[in-house]
Every structure is written in C-alpha cells, then in structure tokens.
C-alpha cells in the first residue's frame, strides 16, 4: 500500500492538533512543558492559497488567526502556571484546549474541505481521530 503525501493544509492543521494533544496530556506528564512552550505555528500560507474565492480565503484567514491566538494564549497560561508553581492550573488549561482549540481546528478542516474543487475532493484531508 502506498500513501500519498499529506496536503499542505493538513500539515498546518495536524501541527495545531499536536499542540492540542500536548496541552491535554500536560497535567499527566509535566515533562511535556518544554514541548508546549517550544511549539510555534507553521506558515498558514498553504492553507490560504487553497481556496479560489475571496470569501473562503477570508474565512480561513480568520480561523487560522483565531487558532494561532488561542495557541499563544494557552502557551502563556502554561508559562505563567509553571513560573508561579501553580501546577494545578494545568488541568483547566488542558480542558480549554479541548473546548477551544479543537473546535477551531475542526471548523478550519471543514472550511478547507468545502472550498476545494470537485477534482481535488477525491483526495481526503488527513484527520486525526
């Protein structure tokens, strides 16, 4: 079986999924703090290059901006909790990751899928279960 390379927009969203998973796992594994704080968003250019119409491109730009801001806010919260020695705050931060980051990732994935042309729709976006 041969696998096709992931679409560039899938790489962007999978990278965001990685942060969500790190944040959700963090209260159980404090050794992941450095990974959470080192995470940086990858270029959103491939995501925005996909849609042909301006409205779809604008919607994706808004979603990726929201995602990047939420990721930065979560990292700031982790940084502050660790600096203050209040590790019990990592539990609500992990909860927020599931309630805020994942829905935006899913919405962006849906927006990308909706903006693809019929000929491109034969290649599904990679999705993490």
Protein backbone atom coordinates (compact mmCIF):
# COMPACT_ATOMS: atom_id res chain seq x y z
CA UNK A 1 0.00 0.00 0.00
CA UNK A 2 1.37 3.39 -0.98
CA UNK A 3 0.37 6.57 0.82
CA UNK A 4 0.09 9.97 -0.77
CA UNK A 5 1.91 12.87 0.89
CA UNK A 6 -0.28 14.98 3.16
CA UNK A 7 -1.77 18.13 1.73
CA UNK A 8 -0.04 21.33 2.96
CA UNK A 9 -3.22 22.46 4.71
CA UNK A 10 -3.36 19.10 6.51
CA UNK A 11 0.18 19.64 7.76
CA UNK A 12 -0.81 23.01 9.24
CA UNK A 13 -3.87 21.59 10.98
CA UNK A 14 -2.07 18.44 12.16
CA UNK A 15 0.61 20.66 13.68
CA UNK A 16 -2.12 22.53 15.58
CA UNK A 17 -3.59 19.17 16.64
CA UNK A 18 -0.16 18.30 18.07
CA UNK A 19 -0.33 21.32 20.39
CA UNK A 20 -3.87 20.46 21.46
CA UNK A 21 -2.74 16.92 22.31
CA UNK A 22 0.30 18.22 24.23
CA UNK A 23 -1.90 20.59 26.23
CA UNK A 24 -4.45 17.90 27.01
CA UNK A 25 -1.72 15.49 28.14
CA UNK A 26 0.28 18.07 30.09
CA UNK A 27 -1.37 17.62 33.52
CA UNK A 28 -0.43 13.93 33.37
CA UNK A 29 3.08 14.46 32.02
CA UNK A 30 4.89 17.53 33.25
CA UNK A 31 7.88 16.59 31.08
CA UNK A 32 5.86 17.98 28.13
CA UNK A 33 6.06 21.59 29.37
CA UNK A 34 9.10 22.33 27.21
CA UNK A 35 7.36 20.88 24.16
CA UNK A 36 4.28 23.03 24.74
CA UNK A 37 6.34 26.18 25.19
CA UNK A 38 8.58 25.44 22.20
CA UNK A 39 5.63 24.89 19.82
CA UNK A 40 5.34 27.54 17.12
CA UNK A 41 2.69 27.78 14.43
CA UNK A 42 3.81 26.82 10.95
CA UNK A 43 3.17 29.02 7.95
CA UNK A 44 -0.51 29.39 7.09
CA UNK A 45 0.28 30.38 3.51
CA UNK A 46 -0.50 26.88 2.13
CA UNK A 47 -3.88 26.93 3.87
CA UNK A 48 -4.78 30.32 2.44
CA UNK A 49 -3.52 29.50 -1.06
CA UNK A 50 -6.10 26.72 -1.48
CA UNK A 51 -9.46 28.49 -1.81
CA UNK A 52 -10.11 30.30 -5.06
CA UNK A 53 -12.78 32.70 -3.84
CA UNK A 54 -12.14 35.64 -1.55
CA UNK A 55 -14.87 34.77 0.96
CA UNK A 56 -13.48 31.27 1.62
CA UNK A 57 -9.93 32.63 1.85
CA UNK A 58 -11.06 35.30 4.32
CA UNK A 59 -12.89 32.73 6.46
CA UNK A 60 -9.78 30.54 6.59
CA UNK A 61 -7.61 33.54 7.43
CA UNK A 62 -9.94 34.37 10.33
CA UNK A 63 -9.90 30.76 11.58
CA UNK A 64 -6.12 30.41 11.38
CA UNK A 65 -5.66 33.77 13.13
CA UNK A 66 -8.05 32.65 15.88
CA UNK A 67 -6.24 29.33 16.18
CA UNK A 68 -2.82 30.98 16.42
CA UNK A 69 -4.08 33.41 19.07
CA UNK A 70 -5.68 30.66 21.15
CA UNK A 71 -2.48 28.61 20.93
CA UNK A 72 -0.38 31.57 22.08
CA UNK A 73 -2.80 32.27 24.95
CA UNK A 74 -2.63 28.62 26.07
CA UNK A 75 1.17 28.73 25.97
CA UNK A 76 1.16 31.95 28.00
CA UNK A 77 -1.13 30.33 30.57
CA UNK A 78 1.15 27.28 30.86
CA UNK A 79 4.22 29.50 31.15
CA UNK A 80 2.61 31.54 33.93
CA UNK A 81 1.31 28.49 35.83
CA UNK A 82 4.75 26.87 35.78
CA UNK A 83 6.53 30.13 36.70
CA UNK A 84 4.18 30.64 39.65
CA UNK A 85 4.45 26.99 40.71
CA UNK A 86 0.67 26.53 40.39
CA UNK A 87 0.69 23.26 38.51
CA UNK A 88 -2.93 22.56 39.47
CA UNK A 89 -3.85 25.21 36.88
CA UNK A 90 -2.66 22.87 34.13
CA UNK A 91 -5.92 20.91 34.47
CA UNK A 92 -8.21 23.79 33.42
CA UNK A 93 -5.72 24.79 30.72
CA UNK A 94 -5.93 21.24 29.33
CA UNK A 95 -9.71 21.43 29.42
CA UNK A 96 -9.68 24.71 27.50
CA UNK A 97 -7.55 23.10 24.79
CA UNK A 98 -10.31 20.62 24.08
CA UNK A 99 -13.09 23.18 24.27
CA UNK A 100 -11.43 25.97 22.27
CA UNK A 101 -8.59 24.71 20.08
CA UNK A 102 -10.12 21.51 18.74
CA UNK A 103 -13.39 23.09 17.55
CA UNK A 104 -11.46 25.78 15.62
CA UNK A 105 -9.24 23.10 14.07
CA UNK A 106 -12.35 21.14 13.05
CA UNK A 107 -14.01 24.26 11.65
CA UNK A 108 -10.89 25.08 9.62
CA UNK A 109 -10.73 21.50 8.33
CA UNK A 110 -14.39 21.76 7.26
CA UNK A 111 -13.80 25.15 5.62
CA UNK A 112 -10.87 23.75 3.64
CA UNK A 113 -12.89 20.75 2.53
CA UNK A 114 -15.80 22.99 1.47
CA UNK A 115 -13.52 25.27 -0.53
CA UNK A 116 -11.89 22.51 -2.55
CA UNK A 117 -12.95 21.99 -6.15
CA UNK A 118 -14.61 18.76 -7.22
CA UNK A 119 -11.45 17.38 -8.81
CA UNK A 120 -9.47 18.00 -5.63
CA UNK A 121 -12.15 16.47 -3.41
CA UNK A 122 -11.02 12.96 -4.36
CA UNK A 123 -8.01 13.39 -2.05
CA UNK A 124 -9.28 13.48 1.54
CA UNK A 125 -7.62 15.62 4.19
CA UNK A 126 -5.71 13.64 6.76
CA UNK A 127 -7.64 13.62 10.02
CA UNK A 128 -6.54 12.64 13.48
CA UNK A 129 -9.12 10.52 15.27
